[in-house]
Amino acid sequence: MTNKVTEQYNGMILLTGYLQRLYVAETIYRRVNEPYNSERFEQIKSLMDQAYTILPIFEETHSLTTAQKIQLQIIVQKTEELMSTYFKQLPLTFNQKLAIVGSSLYAEQHVNEGIIRLGEIFNIEVNKDFKKRTEFYKERTKLIDYIVFVLHHDEQPEEHATKQVEPWFNDIMNNKGYVMEDFKQITTLIGLNQ
C-alpha cells in the first residue's frame, strides 16, 4: 500500500468533512427557521452525492480515474466557493452560532470517523486518540441535535444545553483561520494539482 493512496483517501475524507460542515449548517438554518438559500442547500447536497459516489469506488480500487480526478477538482472548487461564505458577518444570532457549532462538530466527527475507517481499509495503525474522540463527538452532536429539535418545535431548550454553544462558538472563531487553511491541503492530498 503506497503512502499516496492513503493521502488521497485522507484528502477525500477532508473534502467530505467540509461538505458535511456546509450541509449541516444549512440543515440547521432550515430547521430553526433561520434565513437560508435553498439553491445553496441543493448544490451542497449534489456535491456530497458526487463525492460519496467516488469514495466507495476508491476504497475498492485504491486509484482514481482521470474522470474522477476532474470531477473531484470541480467538487473542490465549488466547495471552496461555498466555504468562502460559511462564516457570516458578526454579530451572529444564537441560531447562527448554533449552526456554526453544530456543523463544525459534525464535520470534525466525520473526519475522525474517516481516519478510523482509513486505518481499517488500508490496515494502518491509527492513533488511539481518534477512537477515544468518538464518544466526545457523539455527546456533543447529541446536545446540538437536542437544541435544534427543541427550537424546531418552537420550544425553549434547557439553559445548561444552550450555554455550551457560546464557548464552543468562540473556540471555532479563534480557529477560523485554520479551518480555511486546512481546506487548501485537499488538492495536494488527493493529487489534483499534478
N, C-alpha and C. Protein backbone atom coordinates (compact mmCIF):
# COMPACT_ATOMS: atom_id res chain seq x y z
N MET A 1 0.85 -1.19 0.00
CA MET A 1 0.00 0.00 0.00
C MET A 1 0.89 1.24 0.00
N THR A 2 0.71 2.07 -1.00
CA THR A 2 1.55 3.26 -1.05
C THR A 2 0.99 4.36 -0.16
N ASN A 3 1.89 5.21 0.25
CA ASN A 3 1.52 6.37 1.05
C ASN A 3 0.59 7.29 0.26
N LYS A 4 0.78 7.35 -1.07
CA LYS A 4 -0.03 8.21 -1.93
C LYS A 4 -1.52 7.85 -1.83
N VAL A 5 -1.81 6.56 -1.80
CA VAL A 5 -3.21 6.11 -1.74
C VAL A 5 -3.87 6.56 -0.44
N THR A 6 -3.16 6.41 0.68
CA THR A 6 -3.73 6.82 1.96
C THR A 6 -3.85 8.35 2.02
N GLU A 7 -2.91 9.06 1.41
CA GLU A 7 -3.02 10.53 1.35
C GLU A 7 -4.23 10.94 0.54
N GLN A 8 -4.45 10.26 -0.59
CA GLN A 8 -5.61 10.58 -1.42
C GLN A 8 -6.91 10.34 -0.64
N TYR A 9 -6.96 9.23 0.05
CA TYR A 9 -8.16 8.91 0.84
C TYR A 9 -8.35 9.96 1.93
N ASN A 10 -7.27 10.33 2.59
CA ASN A 10 -7.32 11.37 3.62
C ASN A 10 -7.85 12.68 3.03
N GLY A 11 -7.41 13.03 1.83
CA GLY A 11 -7.90 14.24 1.16
C GLY A 11 -9.38 14.18 0.88
N MET A 12 -9.85 13.00 0.47
CA MET A 12 -11.28 12.85 0.20
C MET A 12 -12.10 12.90 1.49
N ILE A 13 -11.54 12.37 2.57
CA ILE A 13 -12.21 12.46 3.88
C ILE A 13 -12.31 13.93 4.31
N LEU A 14 -11.22 14.68 4.13
CA LEU A 14 -11.25 16.11 4.46
C LEU A 14 -12.30 16.83 3.62
N LEU A 15 -12.31 16.55 2.31
CA LEU A 15 -13.28 17.19 1.42
C LEU A 15 -14.71 16.88 1.85
N THR A 16 -15.00 15.62 2.10
CA THR A 16 -16.36 15.28 2.52
C THR A 16 -16.67 15.86 3.90
N GLY A 17 -15.63 16.08 4.72
CA GLY A 17 -15.82 16.75 6.00
C GLY A 17 -16.29 18.19 5.82
N TYR A 18 -15.69 18.89 4.85
CA TYR A 18 -16.13 20.27 4.57
C TYR A 18 -17.54 20.29 4.00
N LEU A 19 -17.84 19.32 3.14
CA LEU A 19 -19.20 19.25 2.60
C LEU A 19 -20.20 18.95 3.72
N GLN A 20 -19.81 18.09 4.65
CA GLN A 20 -20.64 17.79 5.82
C GLN A 20 -20.89 19.07 6.62
N ARG A 21 -19.84 19.85 6.81
CA ARG A 21 -19.93 21.12 7.55
C ARG A 21 -20.98 22.03 6.89
N LEU A 22 -20.87 22.19 5.58
CA LEU A 22 -21.79 23.05 4.84
C LEU A 22 -23.23 22.52 4.89
N TYR A 23 -23.36 21.22 4.72
CA TYR A 23 -24.68 20.58 4.69
C TYR A 23 -25.38 20.71 6.05
N VAL A 24 -24.66 20.45 7.12
CA VAL A 24 -25.27 20.52 8.46
C VAL A 24 -25.64 21.96 8.80
N ALA A 25 -24.78 22.91 8.43
CA ALA A 25 -25.09 24.33 8.70
C ALA A 25 -26.41 24.70 8.03
N GLU A 26 -26.55 24.37 6.75
CA GLU A 26 -27.78 24.72 6.03
C GLU A 26 -28.99 23.98 6.60
N THR A 27 -28.78 22.74 7.02
CA THR A 27 -29.87 21.96 7.61
C THR A 27 -30.34 22.60 8.92
N ILE A 28 -29.39 23.04 9.73
CA ILE A 28 -29.76 23.70 11.00
C ILE A 28 -30.47 25.01 10.71
N TYR A 29 -29.96 25.81 9.76
CA TYR A 29 -30.65 27.06 9.41
C TYR A 29 -32.11 26.78 9.05
N ARG A 30 -32.32 25.77 8.23
CA ARG A 30 -33.69 25.42 7.80
C ARG A 30 -34.54 25.01 8.99
N ARG A 31 -34.00 24.16 9.85
CA ARG A 31 -34.80 23.59 10.95
C ARG A 31 -35.15 24.61 12.03
N VAL A 32 -34.31 25.64 12.20
CA VAL A 32 -34.59 26.63 13.26
C VAL A 32 -35.15 27.93 12.68
N ASN A 33 -35.65 27.84 11.44
CA ASN A 33 -36.28 28.99 10.76
C ASN A 33 -35.37 30.19 10.60
N GLU A 34 -34.10 29.91 10.37
CA GLU A 34 -33.13 30.97 10.07
C GLU A 34 -33.14 31.13 8.55
N PRO A 35 -32.98 32.36 8.02
CA PRO A 35 -32.96 32.51 6.56
C PRO A 35 -31.85 31.63 5.95
N TYR A 36 -32.20 30.95 4.88
CA TYR A 36 -31.21 30.11 4.19
C TYR A 36 -31.55 30.10 2.70
N ASN A 37 -30.59 29.66 1.91
CA ASN A 37 -30.72 29.66 0.46
C ASN A 37 -30.97 28.21 0.01
N SER A 38 -32.14 27.92 -0.52
CA SER A 38 -32.48 26.55 -0.91
C SER A 38 -31.61 26.07 -2.08
N GLU A 39 -31.22 26.98 -2.97
CA GLU A 39 -30.33 26.59 -4.09
C GLU A 39 -28.96 26.18 -3.54
N ARG A 40 -28.47 26.90 -2.56
CA ARG A 40 -27.19 26.57 -1.93
C ARG A 40 -27.28 25.18 -1.28
N PHE A 41 -28.37 24.93 -0.59
CA PHE A 41 -28.58 23.64 0.06
C PHE A 41 -28.55 22.52 -0.98
N GLU A 42 -29.26 22.69 -2.09
CA GLU A 42 -29.32 21.66 -3.13
C GLU A 42 -27.96 21.46 -3.79
N GLN A 43 -27.22 22.55 -3.96
CA GLN A 43 -25.88 22.44 -4.56
C GLN A 43 -24.96 21.63 -3.64
N ILE A 44 -25.01 21.91 -2.34
CA ILE A 44 -24.19 21.18 -1.37
C ILE A 44 -24.57 19.71 -1.38
N LYS A 45 -25.86 19.43 -1.39
CA LYS A 45 -26.34 18.04 -1.40
C LYS A 45 -25.84 17.31 -2.64
N SER A 46 -25.89 17.98 -3.78
CA SER A 46 -25.42 17.39 -5.03
C SER A 46 -23.92 17.10 -4.99
N LEU A 47 -23.14 18.04 -4.45
CA LEU A 47 -21.69 17.84 -4.34
C LEU A 47 -21.38 16.67 -3.40
N MET A 48 -22.13 16.57 -2.32
CA MET A 48 -21.94 15.44 -1.39
C MET A 48 -22.23 14.12 -2.09
N ASP A 49 -23.34 14.08 -2.82
CA ASP A 49 -23.71 12.85 -3.54
C ASP A 49 -22.60 12.44 -4.51
N GLN A 50 -22.06 13.42 -5.22
CA GLN A 50 -20.99 13.12 -6.18
C GLN A 50 -19.75 12.58 -5.46
N ALA A 51 -19.35 13.24 -4.37
CA ALA A 51 -18.17 12.80 -3.62
C ALA A 51 -18.37 11.41 -3.04
N TYR A 52 -19.58 11.15 -2.53
CA TYR A 52 -19.87 9.85 -1.93
C TYR A 52 -20.09 8.75 -2.97
N THR A 53 -20.16 9.12 -4.24
CA THR A 53 -20.18 8.12 -5.31
C THR A 53 -18.75 7.67 -5.60
N ILE A 54 -17.81 8.60 -5.53
CA ILE A 54 -16.40 8.29 -5.82
C ILE A 54 -15.74 7.54 -4.66
N LEU A 55 -16.04 7.92 -3.44
CA LEU A 55 -15.35 7.37 -2.26
C LEU A 55 -15.38 5.84 -2.16
N PRO A 56 -16.54 5.18 -2.24
CA PRO A 56 -16.53 3.72 -2.12
C PRO A 56 -15.80 3.02 -3.27
N ILE A 57 -15.83 3.63 -4.45
CA ILE A 57 -15.09 3.05 -5.59
C ILE A 57 -13.60 3.11 -5.30
N PHE A 58 -13.16 4.25 -4.76
CA PHE A 58 -11.74 4.41 -4.41
C PHE A 58 -11.34 3.41 -3.33
N GLU A 59 -12.23 3.15 -2.37
CA GLU A 59 -11.95 2.18 -1.32
C GLU A 59 -11.68 0.80 -1.91
N GLU A 60 -12.35 0.49 -3.02
CA GLU A 60 -12.17 -0.80 -3.69
C GLU A 60 -10.93 -0.82 -4.59
N THR A 61 -10.79 0.24 -5.41
CA THR A 61 -9.75 0.23 -6.45
C THR A 61 -8.42 0.81 -6.00
N HIS A 62 -8.45 1.67 -4.98
CA HIS A 62 -7.25 2.38 -4.48
C HIS A 62 -6.63 3.27 -5.56
N SER A 63 -7.46 3.70 -6.50
CA SER A 63 -6.97 4.61 -7.53
C SER A 63 -8.13 5.47 -8.04
N LEU A 64 -7.75 6.58 -8.67
CA LEU A 64 -8.75 7.48 -9.25
C LEU A 64 -8.56 7.51 -10.76
N THR A 65 -9.67 7.46 -11.47
CA THR A 65 -9.61 7.60 -12.92
C THR A 65 -9.42 9.08 -13.25
N THR A 66 -9.08 9.37 -14.48
CA THR A 66 -8.95 10.76 -14.91
C THR A 66 -10.28 11.49 -14.75
N ALA A 67 -11.37 10.83 -15.09
CA ALA A 67 -12.71 11.43 -14.96
C ALA A 67 -13.03 11.74 -13.50
N GLN A 68 -12.67 10.83 -12.60
CA GLN A 68 -12.92 11.06 -11.17
C GLN A 68 -12.08 12.23 -10.66
N LYS A 69 -10.84 12.33 -11.12
CA LYS A 69 -9.99 13.46 -10.71
C LYS A 69 -10.57 14.79 -11.17
N ILE A 70 -11.06 14.81 -12.40
CA ILE A 70 -11.68 16.04 -12.93
C ILE A 70 -12.92 16.38 -12.10
N GLN A 71 -13.73 15.37 -11.82
CA GLN A 71 -14.95 15.58 -11.02
C GLN A 71 -14.58 16.08 -9.62
N LEU A 72 -13.56 15.49 -9.01
CA LEU A 72 -13.13 15.92 -7.67
C LEU A 72 -12.60 17.35 -7.70
N GLN A 73 -11.89 17.71 -8.76
CA GLN A 73 -11.38 19.08 -8.89
C GLN A 73 -12.54 20.08 -8.90
N ILE A 74 -13.59 19.75 -9.63
CA ILE A 74 -14.78 20.62 -9.68
C ILE A 74 -15.45 20.68 -8.31
N ILE A 75 -15.57 19.53 -7.65
CA ILE A 75 -16.19 19.49 -6.31
C ILE A 75 -15.37 20.35 -5.34
N VAL A 76 -14.04 20.24 -5.39
CA VAL A 76 -13.17 21.03 -4.51
C VAL A 76 -13.37 22.52 -4.77
N GLN A 77 -13.38 22.93 -6.04
CA GLN A 77 -13.55 24.35 -6.38
C GLN A 77 -14.89 24.89 -5.88
N LYS A 78 -15.95 24.13 -6.12
CA LYS A 78 -17.28 24.59 -5.70
C LYS A 78 -17.40 24.61 -4.17
N THR A 79 -16.79 23.62 -3.52
CA THR A 79 -16.83 23.59 -2.06
C THR A 79 -16.08 24.77 -1.47
N GLU A 80 -14.96 25.11 -2.08
CA GLU A 80 -14.18 26.27 -1.62
C GLU A 80 -14.99 27.55 -1.77
N GLU A 81 -15.70 27.69 -2.87
CA GLU A 81 -16.56 28.86 -3.08
C GLU A 81 -17.64 28.93 -2.00
N LEU A 82 -18.25 27.78 -1.71
CA LEU A 82 -19.29 27.73 -0.68
C LEU A 82 -18.73 28.04 0.70
N MET A 83 -17.51 27.56 0.97
CA MET A 83 -16.88 27.81 2.27
C MET A 83 -16.55 29.29 2.45
N SER A 84 -16.36 30.02 1.36
CA SER A 84 -16.00 31.44 1.47
C SER A 84 -17.13 32.26 2.11
N THR A 85 -18.35 31.72 2.11
CA THR A 85 -19.48 32.42 2.74
C THR A 85 -20.05 31.63 3.92
N TYR A 86 -19.31 30.64 4.38
CA TYR A 86 -19.75 29.82 5.51
C TYR A 86 -19.82 30.63 6.79
N PHE A 87 -18.75 31.40 7.08
CA PHE A 87 -18.73 32.24 8.28
C PHE A 87 -19.45 33.54 7.95
N LYS A 88 -20.51 33.80 8.68
CA LYS A 88 -21.30 35.02 8.43
C LYS A 88 -20.70 36.20 9.20
N GLN A 89 -21.11 37.38 8.77
CA GLN A 89 -20.64 38.62 9.39
C GLN A 89 -21.11 38.70 10.84
N LEU A 90 -20.19 39.01 11.75
CA LEU A 90 -20.54 39.18 13.17
C LEU A 90 -21.27 40.49 13.36
N PRO A 91 -22.11 40.66 14.36
CA PRO A 91 -22.50 39.69 15.38
C PRO A 91 -23.52 38.69 14.83
N LEU A 92 -23.54 37.50 15.40
CA LEU A 92 -24.46 36.45 14.97
C LEU A 92 -25.53 36.21 16.02
N THR A 93 -26.68 35.74 15.56
CA THR A 93 -27.75 35.35 16.48
C THR A 93 -27.36 34.02 17.12
N PHE A 94 -28.09 33.64 18.15
CA PHE A 94 -27.84 32.34 18.78
C PHE A 94 -27.99 31.21 17.76
N ASN A 95 -29.03 31.28 16.92
CA ASN A 95 -29.28 30.23 15.93
C ASN A 95 -28.15 30.13 14.91
N GLN A 96 -27.60 31.27 14.51
CA GLN A 96 -26.47 31.25 13.57
C GLN A 96 -25.23 30.64 14.23
N LYS A 97 -25.01 30.97 15.48
CA LYS A 97 -23.88 30.37 16.22
C LYS A 97 -24.09 28.86 16.35
N LEU A 98 -25.33 28.48 16.63
CA LEU A 98 -25.67 27.07 16.76
C LEU A 98 -25.35 26.32 15.45
N ALA A 99 -25.65 26.93 14.33
CA ALA A 99 -25.38 26.30 13.02
C ALA A 99 -23.88 26.13 12.80
N ILE A 100 -23.10 27.14 13.17
CA ILE A 100 -21.64 27.06 13.01
C ILE A 100 -21.08 25.97 13.94
N VAL A 101 -21.53 25.98 15.19
CA VAL A 101 -21.04 24.99 16.16
C VAL A 101 -21.46 23.58 15.76
N GLY A 102 -22.74 23.41 15.46
CA GLY A 102 -23.24 22.08 15.10
C GLY A 102 -22.56 21.53 13.85
N SER A 103 -22.42 22.37 12.85
CA SER A 103 -21.80 21.91 11.60
C SER A 103 -20.32 21.61 11.80
N SER A 104 -19.65 22.38 12.64
CA SER A 104 -18.23 22.13 12.93
C SER A 104 -18.06 20.80 13.65
N LEU A 105 -18.91 20.55 14.64
CA LEU A 105 -18.82 19.29 15.39
C LEU A 105 -19.10 18.09 14.49
N TYR A 106 -20.12 18.21 13.65
CA TYR A 106 -20.43 17.10 12.75
C TYR A 106 -19.30 16.88 11.74
N ALA A 107 -18.70 17.96 11.26
CA ALA A 107 -17.58 17.83 10.31
C ALA A 107 -16.38 17.16 10.97
N GLU A 108 -16.06 17.60 12.18
CA GLU A 108 -14.93 17.01 12.90
C GLU A 108 -15.19 15.55 13.21
N GLN A 109 -16.44 15.23 13.58
CA GLN A 109 -16.81 13.84 13.85
C GLN A 109 -16.64 13.01 12.58
N HIS A 110 -17.08 13.55 11.46
CA HIS A 110 -16.97 12.86 10.17
C HIS A 110 -15.51 12.57 9.82
N VAL A 111 -14.66 13.56 9.98
CA VAL A 111 -13.23 13.38 9.66
C VAL A 111 -12.61 12.36 10.62
N ASN A 112 -12.96 12.45 11.90
CA ASN A 112 -12.44 11.50 12.88
C ASN A 112 -12.82 10.06 12.49
N GLU A 113 -14.10 9.86 12.14
CA GLU A 113 -14.56 8.53 11.73
C GLU A 113 -13.89 8.09 10.44
N GLY A 114 -13.63 9.05 9.55
CA GLY A 114 -12.97 8.75 8.28
C GLY A 114 -11.54 8.27 8.49
N ILE A 115 -10.86 8.86 9.45
CA ILE A 115 -9.49 8.45 9.74
C ILE A 115 -9.48 7.05 10.35
N ILE A 116 -10.45 6.77 11.21
CA ILE A 116 -10.58 5.42 11.77
C ILE A 116 -10.83 4.42 10.64
N ARG A 117 -11.70 4.79 9.71
CA ARG A 117 -12.01 3.93 8.55
C ARG A 117 -10.77 3.75 7.68
N LEU A 118 -10.01 4.79 7.48
CA LEU A 118 -8.77 4.71 6.70
C LEU A 118 -7.87 3.62 7.28
N GLY A 119 -7.75 3.61 8.61
CA GLY A 119 -6.94 2.60 9.27
C GLY A 119 -7.45 1.19 9.01
N GLU A 120 -8.78 1.05 9.02
CA GLU A 120 -9.38 -0.27 8.79
C GLU A 120 -9.21 -0.72 7.34
N ILE A 121 -9.48 0.17 6.40
CA ILE A 121 -9.41 -0.18 4.98
C ILE A 121 -7.98 -0.51 4.54
N PHE A 122 -7.05 0.33 4.97
CA PHE A 122 -5.67 0.18 4.50
C PHE A 122 -4.77 -0.54 5.50
N ASN A 123 -5.41 -1.09 6.54
CA ASN A 123 -4.68 -1.88 7.55
C ASN A 123 -3.49 -1.10 8.12
N ILE A 124 -3.79 0.11 8.57
CA ILE A 124 -2.77 1.01 9.11
C ILE A 124 -3.10 1.28 10.58
N GLU A 125 -2.08 1.34 11.38
CA GLU A 125 -2.25 1.69 12.80
C GLU A 125 -2.64 3.16 12.88
N VAL A 126 -3.79 3.43 13.49
CA VAL A 126 -4.27 4.80 13.66
C VAL A 126 -4.12 5.17 15.13
N ASN A 127 -3.70 6.40 15.38
CA ASN A 127 -3.54 6.90 16.74
C ASN A 127 -4.80 6.59 17.57
N LYS A 128 -4.61 6.04 18.74
CA LYS A 128 -5.73 5.64 19.60
C LYS A 128 -6.64 6.82 19.97
N ASP A 129 -6.10 8.03 19.91
CA ASP A 129 -6.89 9.22 20.24
C ASP A 129 -8.13 9.34 19.36
N PHE A 130 -8.04 8.89 18.11
CA PHE A 130 -9.19 9.00 17.20
C PHE A 130 -10.36 8.17 17.72
N LYS A 131 -10.08 6.97 18.21
CA LYS A 131 -11.16 6.13 18.75
C LYS A 131 -11.70 6.70 20.05
N LYS A 132 -10.82 7.30 20.84
CA LYS A 132 -11.26 7.91 22.11
C LYS A 132 -12.18 9.10 21.84
N ARG A 133 -11.92 9.83 20.75
CA ARG A 133 -12.72 11.02 20.43
C ARG A 133 -14.13 10.67 19.97
N THR A 134 -14.37 9.44 19.59
CA THR A 134 -15.68 9.04 19.09
C THR A 134 -16.78 9.40 20.07
N GLU A 135 -16.59 9.07 21.33
CA GLU A 135 -17.59 9.36 22.37
C GLU A 135 -17.72 10.87 22.59
N PHE A 136 -16.61 11.56 22.56
CA PHE A 136 -16.56 13.02 22.71
C PHE A 136 -17.49 13.68 21.69
N TYR A 137 -17.36 13.29 20.41
CA TYR A 137 -18.20 13.88 19.37
C TYR A 137 -19.65 13.43 19.49
N LYS A 138 -19.85 12.19 19.86
CA LYS A 138 -21.21 11.67 19.99
C LYS A 138 -22.00 12.48 21.02
N GLU A 139 -21.38 12.77 22.16
CA GLU A 139 -22.05 13.55 23.22
C GLU A 139 -22.38 14.95 22.74
N ARG A 140 -21.44 15.58 22.07
CA ARG A 140 -21.65 16.96 21.63
C ARG A 140 -22.67 17.08 20.50
N THR A 141 -22.61 16.16 19.53
CA THR A 141 -23.60 16.23 18.45
C THR A 141 -24.99 15.90 18.97
N LYS A 142 -25.08 15.04 19.98
CA LYS A 142 -26.38 14.73 20.59
C LYS A 142 -26.96 15.99 21.24
N LEU A 143 -26.12 16.78 21.89
CA LEU A 143 -26.56 18.03 22.51
C LEU A 143 -27.07 19.01 21.44
N ILE A 144 -26.32 19.12 20.34
CA ILE A 144 -26.73 20.01 19.23
C ILE A 144 -28.07 19.53 18.67
N ASP A 145 -28.19 18.23 18.46
CA ASP A 145 -29.46 17.67 17.93
C ASP A 145 -30.63 18.01 18.84
N TYR A 146 -30.40 17.91 20.14
CA TYR A 146 -31.45 18.23 21.12
C TYR A 146 -31.88 19.70 20.97
N ILE A 147 -30.90 20.61 20.94
CA ILE A 147 -31.22 22.04 20.85
C ILE A 147 -31.98 22.34 19.56
N VAL A 148 -31.50 21.80 18.45
CA VAL A 148 -32.15 22.03 17.15
C VAL A 148 -33.57 21.47 17.16
N PHE A 149 -33.74 20.28 17.70
CA PHE A 149 -35.06 19.65 17.77
C PHE A 149 -36.04 20.51 18.57
N VAL A 150 -35.61 20.97 19.71
CA VAL A 150 -36.47 21.78 20.58
C VAL A 150 -36.83 23.11 19.90
N LEU A 151 -35.83 23.78 19.32
CA LEU A 151 -36.09 25.05 18.63
C LEU A 151 -37.01 24.84 17.43
N HIS A 152 -36.81 23.74 16.73
CA HIS A 152 -37.64 23.43 15.56
C HIS A 152 -39.11 23.32 15.96
N HIS A 153 -39.36 22.87 17.19
CA HIS A 153 -40.73 22.74 17.69
C HIS A 153 -41.16 23.96 18.50
N ASP A 154 -40.49 25.08 18.26
CA ASP A 154 -40.82 26.37 18.89
C ASP A 154 -40.88 26.30 20.40
N GLU A 155 -39.98 25.52 20.97
CA GLU A 155 -39.87 25.45 22.42
C GLU A 155 -38.51 25.99 22.83
N GLN A 156 -38.33 26.16 24.12
CA GLN A 156 -37.08 26.71 24.63
C GLN A 156 -36.21 25.58 25.19
N PRO A 157 -34.97 25.42 24.66
CA PRO A 157 -34.09 24.38 25.22
C PRO A 157 -33.65 24.73 26.63
N GLU A 158 -33.23 23.71 27.36
CA GLU A 158 -32.76 23.93 28.72
C GLU A 158 -31.49 24.78 28.70
N GLU A 159 -31.36 25.64 29.71
CA GLU A 159 -30.25 26.59 29.75
C GLU A 159 -28.89 25.89 29.78
N HIS A 160 -28.78 24.78 30.50
CA HIS A 160 -27.48 24.09 30.59
C HIS A 160 -26.99 23.65 29.20
N ALA A 161 -27.94 23.39 28.29
CA ALA A 161 -27.59 22.99 26.93
C ALA A 161 -27.17 24.20 26.10
N THR A 162 -27.94 25.27 26.16
CA THR A 162 -27.66 26.43 25.32
C THR A 162 -26.39 27.17 25.75
N LYS A 163 -26.05 27.13 27.05
CA LYS A 163 -24.87 27.87 27.49
C LYS A 163 -23.57 27.23 27.00
N GLN A 164 -23.65 25.99 26.50
CA GLN A 164 -22.47 25.33 25.92
C GLN A 164 -22.10 25.93 24.56
N VAL A 165 -23.07 26.46 23.85
CA VAL A 165 -22.87 26.91 22.47
C VAL A 165 -21.86 28.06 22.39
N GLU A 166 -21.97 29.03 23.27
CA GLU A 166 -21.11 30.23 23.20
C GLU A 166 -19.62 29.90 23.29
N PRO A 167 -19.15 29.16 24.32
CA PRO A 167 -17.71 28.86 24.37
C PRO A 167 -17.24 28.01 23.17
N TRP A 168 -18.08 27.10 22.71
CA TRP A 168 -17.70 26.30 21.55
C TRP A 168 -17.60 27.19 20.31
N PHE A 169 -18.55 28.12 20.18
CA PHE A 169 -18.52 29.06 19.06
C PHE A 169 -17.24 29.90 19.10
N ASN A 170 -16.89 30.40 20.28
CA ASN A 170 -15.68 31.22 20.42
C ASN A 170 -14.43 30.44 20.04
N ASP A 171 -14.37 29.17 20.42
CA ASP A 171 -13.24 28.33 20.03
C ASP A 171 -13.13 28.21 18.51
N ILE A 172 -14.28 28.00 17.88
CA ILE A 172 -14.29 27.86 16.41
C ILE A 172 -13.84 29.16 15.76
N MET A 173 -14.33 30.28 16.25
CA MET A 173 -13.95 31.57 15.66
C MET A 173 -12.46 31.85 15.88
N ASN A 174 -11.93 31.43 17.02
CA ASN A 174 -10.49 31.60 17.27
C ASN A 174 -9.65 30.75 16.33
N ASN A 175 -10.23 29.66 15.83
CA ASN A 175 -9.51 28.76 14.92
C ASN A 175 -9.98 28.86 13.48
N LYS A 176 -10.74 29.91 13.19
CA LYS A 176 -11.33 30.11 11.86
C LYS A 176 -10.27 30.06 10.76
N GLY A 177 -9.12 30.64 11.00
CA GLY A 177 -8.04 30.65 10.00
C GLY A 177 -7.57 29.25 9.67
N TYR A 178 -7.50 28.39 10.67
CA TYR A 178 -7.06 27.01 10.45
C TYR A 178 -8.09 26.23 9.63
N VAL A 179 -9.36 26.54 9.84
CA VAL A 179 -10.43 25.86 9.10
C VAL A 179 -10.23 26.09 7.61
N MET A 180 -9.96 27.34 7.24
CA MET A 180 -9.79 27.67 5.82
C MET A 180 -8.42 27.20 5.31
N GLU A 181 -7.43 27.23 6.17
CA GLU A 181 -6.07 26.80 5.79
C GLU A 181 -6.05 25.29 5.51
N ASP A 182 -6.73 24.52 6.35
CA ASP A 182 -6.81 23.07 6.16
C ASP A 182 -7.40 22.72 4.80
N PHE A 183 -8.36 23.53 4.38
CA PHE A 183 -9.03 23.26 3.10
C PHE A 183 -8.03 23.23 1.95
N LYS A 184 -7.03 24.09 2.03
CA LYS A 184 -6.06 24.22 0.94
C LYS A 184 -5.23 22.94 0.75
N GLN A 185 -5.17 22.07 1.75
CA GLN A 185 -4.41 20.82 1.64
C GLN A 185 -5.10 19.79 0.75
N ILE A 186 -6.40 19.91 0.57
CA ILE A 186 -7.19 18.88 -0.10
C ILE A 186 -6.67 18.58 -1.50
N THR A 187 -6.45 19.62 -2.29
CA THR A 187 -5.99 19.45 -3.67
C THR A 187 -4.68 18.67 -3.72
N THR A 188 -3.74 19.02 -2.84
CA THR A 188 -2.45 18.34 -2.79
C THR A 188 -2.60 16.89 -2.34
N LEU A 189 -3.38 16.67 -1.28
CA LEU A 189 -3.55 15.31 -0.74
C LEU A 189 -4.18 14.38 -1.79
N ILE A 190 -5.21 14.85 -2.46
CA ILE A 190 -5.88 14.00 -3.46
C ILE A 190 -4.99 13.84 -4.71
N GLY A 191 -4.08 14.79 -4.90
CA GLY A 191 -3.20 14.72 -6.07
C GLY A 191 -3.84 15.35 -7.30
N LEU A 192 -4.60 16.41 -7.08
CA LEU A 192 -5.31 17.05 -8.20
C LEU A 192 -4.45 18.12 -8.87
N ASN A 193 -3.33 18.49 -8.26
CA ASN A 193 -2.50 19.54 -8.85
C ASN A 193 -1.29 18.95 -9.55
N GLN A 194 -1.40 17.70 -9.98
CA GLN A 194 -0.28 17.05 -10.66
C GLN A 194 -0.56 16.95 -12.14
